[in-house]
């Protein structure tokens, strides 16, 4: 039995890599910039999506893939009420969204009518493997109540990020949180990743996040390749 386990793992990895490339080709063919949005439960990913839709829907066309580990559609219904196309991915409690799950979801979106797809992933800060989906960028959403030490405790997920969002900055006056300590932690594991402190709830300081998104959506998509931002 032990002799077959590495072979099975290799087959799964090869299959995911193939589907990842196919996902990227589909996004590129439709001129869609896709983001894998990761973070702890309660970090405010859904609120960030809602704020992004509210702030940018007149400039770019946004679609959403909502990951869930249960059959609860609360987040999806909130996003659907915002008026953008949304579809669900139920991981069945097995972990985060993978490339196969995403491939089944994106065919349900009107990609020809979209510029940006936000994939709200599930899971926490500890992931068993790099979350390759075929998206163009990984964005980690952290929040002030989680503490300023998270990049030091969970360097893996921060090292994969193309952007780090520090959400819930409206709570800085109530929670002991040192922004400089947090920034140094991100810089330590991922010097290239910008940090955007903001409040998705109040809309405070969301302009840098919006500007980054608009810049990405304006750039022609590159052919599908395997990279740390896939």
Protein backbone atom coordinates (compact mmCIF):
# COMPACT_ATOMS: atom_id res chain seq x y z
CA UNK A 1 0.00 0.00 0.00
CA UNK A 2 2.78 2.44 0.90
CA UNK A 3 4.32 2.00 -2.53
CA UNK A 4 1.20 3.28 -4.26
CA UNK A 5 0.73 6.38 -2.13
CA UNK A 6 3.49 8.51 -3.78
CA UNK A 7 2.17 7.50 -7.21
CA UNK A 8 -1.39 8.53 -6.27
CA UNK A 9 -0.15 11.83 -4.88
CA UNK A 10 1.80 12.43 -8.07
CA UNK A 11 -1.25 11.69 -10.22
CA UNK A 12 -3.37 14.13 -8.20
CA UNK A 13 -0.66 16.79 -8.46
CA UNK A 14 -0.33 16.32 -12.23
CA UNK A 15 -4.09 16.49 -12.68
CA UNK A 16 -4.35 19.69 -10.64
CA UNK A 17 -1.47 21.23 -12.62
CA UNK A 18 -3.18 20.41 -15.90
CA UNK A 19 -6.52 21.85 -14.78
CA UNK A 20 -4.75 24.89 -13.34
CA UNK A 21 -3.29 25.64 -16.77
CA UNK A 22 -6.69 25.16 -18.39
CA UNK A 23 -8.30 27.57 -15.91
CA UNK A 24 -5.66 30.19 -16.67
CA UNK A 25 -6.15 29.79 -20.41
CA UNK A 26 -9.90 30.27 -19.99
CA UNK A 27 -9.43 33.44 -17.96
CA UNK A 28 -6.87 34.79 -20.43
CA UNK A 29 -9.02 33.96 -23.44
CA UNK A 30 -11.82 36.07 -21.97
CA UNK A 31 -9.55 38.90 -20.81
CA UNK A 32 -10.48 38.27 -17.18
CA UNK A 33 -8.12 38.98 -14.26
CA UNK A 34 -8.73 36.39 -11.52
CA UNK A 35 -7.79 36.60 -7.85
CA UNK A 36 -7.52 33.89 -5.22
CA UNK A 37 -8.71 35.66 -2.04
CA UNK A 38 -7.47 33.86 1.09
CA UNK A 39 -7.54 34.47 4.84
CA UNK A 40 -8.89 33.33 8.17
CA UNK A 41 -12.62 33.05 8.84
CA UNK A 42 -13.73 36.42 10.16
CA UNK A 43 -11.01 38.39 8.40
CA UNK A 44 -13.65 40.14 6.31
CA UNK A 45 -13.21 38.63 2.85
CA UNK A 46 -16.90 38.83 2.01
CA UNK A 47 -17.15 42.41 3.25
CA UNK A 48 -14.10 43.28 1.13
CA UNK A 49 -15.80 41.79 -1.93
CA UNK A 50 -18.97 43.75 -1.24
CA UNK A 51 -17.01 46.99 -0.79
CA UNK A 52 -15.07 46.30 -4.01
CA UNK A 53 -18.27 45.72 -5.95
CA UNK A 54 -19.78 48.87 -4.51
CA UNK A 55 -16.73 50.96 -5.34
CA UNK A 56 -15.74 49.61 -8.75
CA UNK A 57 -18.79 48.13 -10.46
CA UNK A 58 -19.20 51.24 -12.62
CA UNK A 59 -15.61 50.93 -13.90
CA UNK A 60 -15.07 47.18 -14.23
CA UNK A 61 -17.35 44.17 -14.50
CA UNK A 62 -16.95 41.84 -11.52
CA UNK A 63 -17.90 38.21 -10.94
CA UNK A 64 -17.49 36.19 -7.75
CA UNK A 65 -16.83 32.56 -6.86
CA UNK A 66 -17.85 31.88 -3.27
CA UNK A 67 -16.07 28.99 -1.59
CA UNK A 68 -17.73 27.26 1.34
CA UNK A 69 -17.02 24.20 3.44
CA UNK A 70 -20.76 23.70 4.09
CA UNK A 71 -24.02 24.08 2.19
CA UNK A 72 -24.60 27.48 3.83
CA UNK A 73 -25.11 30.09 1.08
CA UNK A 74 -25.21 33.17 3.34
CA UNK A 75 -22.10 34.80 1.81
CA UNK A 76 -23.23 34.00 -1.72
CA UNK A 77 -26.64 35.52 -1.10
CA UNK A 78 -25.05 38.71 0.24
CA UNK A 79 -22.89 39.05 -2.85
CA UNK A 80 -25.78 38.15 -5.15
CA UNK A 81 -27.80 41.00 -3.65
CA UNK A 82 -25.08 43.38 -4.81
CA UNK A 83 -26.07 42.62 -8.39
CA UNK A 84 -22.95 40.83 -9.68
CA UNK A 85 -22.77 37.28 -11.08
CA UNK A 86 -21.86 34.77 -8.36
CA UNK A 87 -21.50 31.01 -8.18
CA UNK A 88 -20.71 28.61 -5.34
CA UNK A 89 -18.00 26.07 -4.64
CA UNK A 90 -18.70 23.64 -1.79
CA UNK A 91 -15.48 21.96 -0.68
CA UNK A 92 -17.40 19.52 1.51
CA UNK A 93 -15.12 20.27 4.43
CA UNK A 94 -12.07 18.86 2.62
CA UNK A 95 -10.06 22.10 2.74
CA UNK A 96 -9.59 25.01 0.38
CA UNK A 97 -10.85 25.43 -3.18
CA UNK A 98 -8.66 23.61 -5.70
CA UNK A 99 -8.24 23.96 -9.45
CA UNK A 100 -10.80 21.25 -10.26
CA UNK A 101 -13.45 22.88 -8.08
CA UNK A 102 -12.76 26.24 -9.65
CA UNK A 103 -12.98 24.81 -13.17
CA UNK A 104 -16.52 23.61 -12.44
CA UNK A 105 -17.48 27.01 -11.08
CA UNK A 106 -16.15 29.35 -13.75
CA UNK A 107 -18.19 27.72 -16.52
CA UNK A 108 -21.25 29.02 -14.65
CA UNK A 109 -20.06 32.62 -14.87
CA UNK A 110 -20.59 34.89 -17.90
CA UNK A 111 -16.86 35.35 -18.43
CA UNK A 112 -17.33 37.20 -21.74
CA UNK A 113 -19.07 39.93 -19.75
CA UNK A 114 -16.49 40.21 -16.94
CA UNK A 115 -13.16 41.94 -16.31
CA UNK A 116 -12.44 40.61 -12.81
CA UNK A 117 -13.26 37.41 -10.93
CA UNK A 118 -12.78 37.26 -7.17
CA UNK A 119 -12.52 33.74 -5.73
CA UNK A 120 -13.32 33.81 -2.02
CA UNK A 121 -11.39 30.78 -0.82
CA UNK A 122 -12.06 28.86 2.38
CA UNK A 123 -9.78 27.52 5.07
CA UNK A 124 -7.41 29.26 7.42
CA UNK A 125 -3.83 30.40 7.47
CA UNK A 126 -2.34 26.91 7.48
CA UNK A 127 -2.58 25.29 4.05
CA UNK A 128 -1.14 21.83 3.28
CA UNK A 129 0.12 22.88 -0.15
CA UNK A 130 0.45 25.93 -2.36
CA UNK A 131 -3.07 26.83 -3.55
CA UNK A 132 -2.60 26.71 -7.32
CA UNK A 133 -5.90 27.45 -9.02
CA UNK A 134 -5.01 29.08 -12.32
CA UNK A 135 -5.81 32.55 -11.02
CA UNK A 136 -3.45 35.45 -11.73
CA UNK A 137 -2.80 36.60 -8.16
CA UNK A 138 -3.05 35.53 -4.53
CA UNK A 139 -4.38 38.09 -2.05
CA UNK A 140 -4.22 37.42 1.69
CA UNK A 141 -6.78 39.22 3.86
CA UNK A 142 -5.68 39.74 7.46
CA UNK A 143 -7.54 41.77 10.08
CA UNK A 144 -6.59 43.90 13.05
CA UNK A 145 -8.34 41.71 15.68
CA UNK A 146 -6.21 38.73 14.59
CA UNK A 147 -3.07 40.43 15.89
CA UNK A 148 0.08 41.91 14.40
CA UNK A 149 2.10 38.69 14.77
CA UNK A 150 0.29 36.64 12.11
CA UNK A 151 2.97 37.00 9.37
CA UNK A 152 5.53 35.62 11.83
CA UNK A 153 3.34 32.70 12.92
CA UNK A 154 2.08 31.73 9.45
CA UNK A 155 4.85 32.70 7.01
CA UNK A 156 3.75 30.19 4.36
CA UNK A 157 0.53 31.86 3.26
CA UNK A 158 2.11 35.32 3.42
CA UNK A 159 5.05 34.20 1.30
CA UNK A 160 2.58 33.25 -1.47
CA UNK A 161 0.76 36.59 -1.47
CA UNK A 162 0.97 39.11 -4.28
CA UNK A 163 -0.93 41.59 -2.08
CA UNK A 164 -1.71 41.65 1.64
CA UNK A 165 -4.87 43.40 2.80
CA UNK A 166 -4.98 44.49 6.44
CA UNK A 167 -8.69 44.82 7.08
CA UNK A 168 -10.69 46.33 9.96
CA UNK A 169 -8.36 49.27 10.54
CA UNK A 170 -11.36 51.07 12.05
CA UNK A 171 -10.67 48.93 15.13
CA UNK A 172 -7.07 50.09 15.61
CA UNK A 173 -8.14 52.48 18.36
CA UNK A 174 -9.69 49.60 20.32
CA UNK A 175 -7.25 46.72 19.72
CA UNK A 176 -3.54 46.54 20.63
CA UNK A 177 -2.02 46.28 17.16
CA UNK A 178 1.30 47.65 15.93
CA UNK A 179 1.09 48.32 12.19
CA UNK A 180 4.88 48.60 11.89
CA UNK A 181 5.31 45.16 13.46
CA UNK A 182 2.83 43.69 10.98
CA UNK A 183 4.53 45.35 8.02
CA UNK A 184 7.94 44.07 9.12
CA UNK A 185 6.53 40.56 9.38
CA UNK A 186 5.24 40.68 5.81
CA UNK A 187 8.47 42.25 4.57
CA UNK A 188 10.46 39.52 6.29
CA UNK A 189 8.83 36.67 4.33
CA UNK A 190 7.70 38.51 1.19
CA UNK A 191 9.44 41.81 0.42
CA UNK A 192 7.62 42.19 -2.91
CA UNK A 193 4.08 42.11 -1.51
CA UNK A 194 2.47 45.52 -0.88
CA UNK A 195 0.36 45.92 2.26
CA UNK A 196 -2.92 47.82 1.94
CA UNK A 197 -4.40 48.78 5.32
CA UNK A 198 -8.11 49.54 4.96
CA UNK A 199 -11.57 49.13 6.43
CA UNK A 200 -13.96 47.24 4.19
CA UNK A 201 -16.74 48.07 6.65
CA UNK A 202 -16.36 51.87 6.59
CA UNK A 203 -14.64 52.16 3.21
CA UNK A 204 -11.65 53.88 4.75
CA UNK A 205 -8.42 53.84 2.70
CA UNK A 206 -9.78 51.45 0.06
CA UNK A 207 -8.40 53.60 -2.77
CA UNK A 208 -5.00 51.84 -2.99
CA UNK A 209 -6.70 48.44 -3.28
CA UNK A 210 -9.04 49.83 -5.94
CA UNK A 211 -6.16 51.42 -7.86
CA UNK A 212 -4.23 48.14 -7.83
CA UNK A 213 -7.24 46.23 -9.15
CA UNK A 214 -7.89 48.74 -11.92
CA UNK A 215 -4.24 48.58 -12.95
CA UNK A 216 -4.32 44.78 -13.15
CA UNK A 217 -7.54 44.69 -15.14
CA UNK A 218 -6.13 47.16 -17.66
CA UNK A 219 -3.10 44.99 -18.48
CA UNK A 220 -3.46 42.28 -21.19
CA UNK A 221 -3.27 38.83 -19.61
CA UNK A 222 -0.19 36.70 -20.17
CA UNK A 223 -0.34 33.09 -21.42
CA UNK A 224 -0.85 30.46 -18.78
CA UNK A 225 2.37 29.48 -17.04
CA UNK A 226 3.15 27.94 -13.69
CA UNK A 227 4.47 30.55 -11.31
CA UNK A 228 4.19 31.57 -7.67
CA UNK A 229 1.28 33.84 -8.56
CA UNK A 230 -0.78 31.12 -10.25
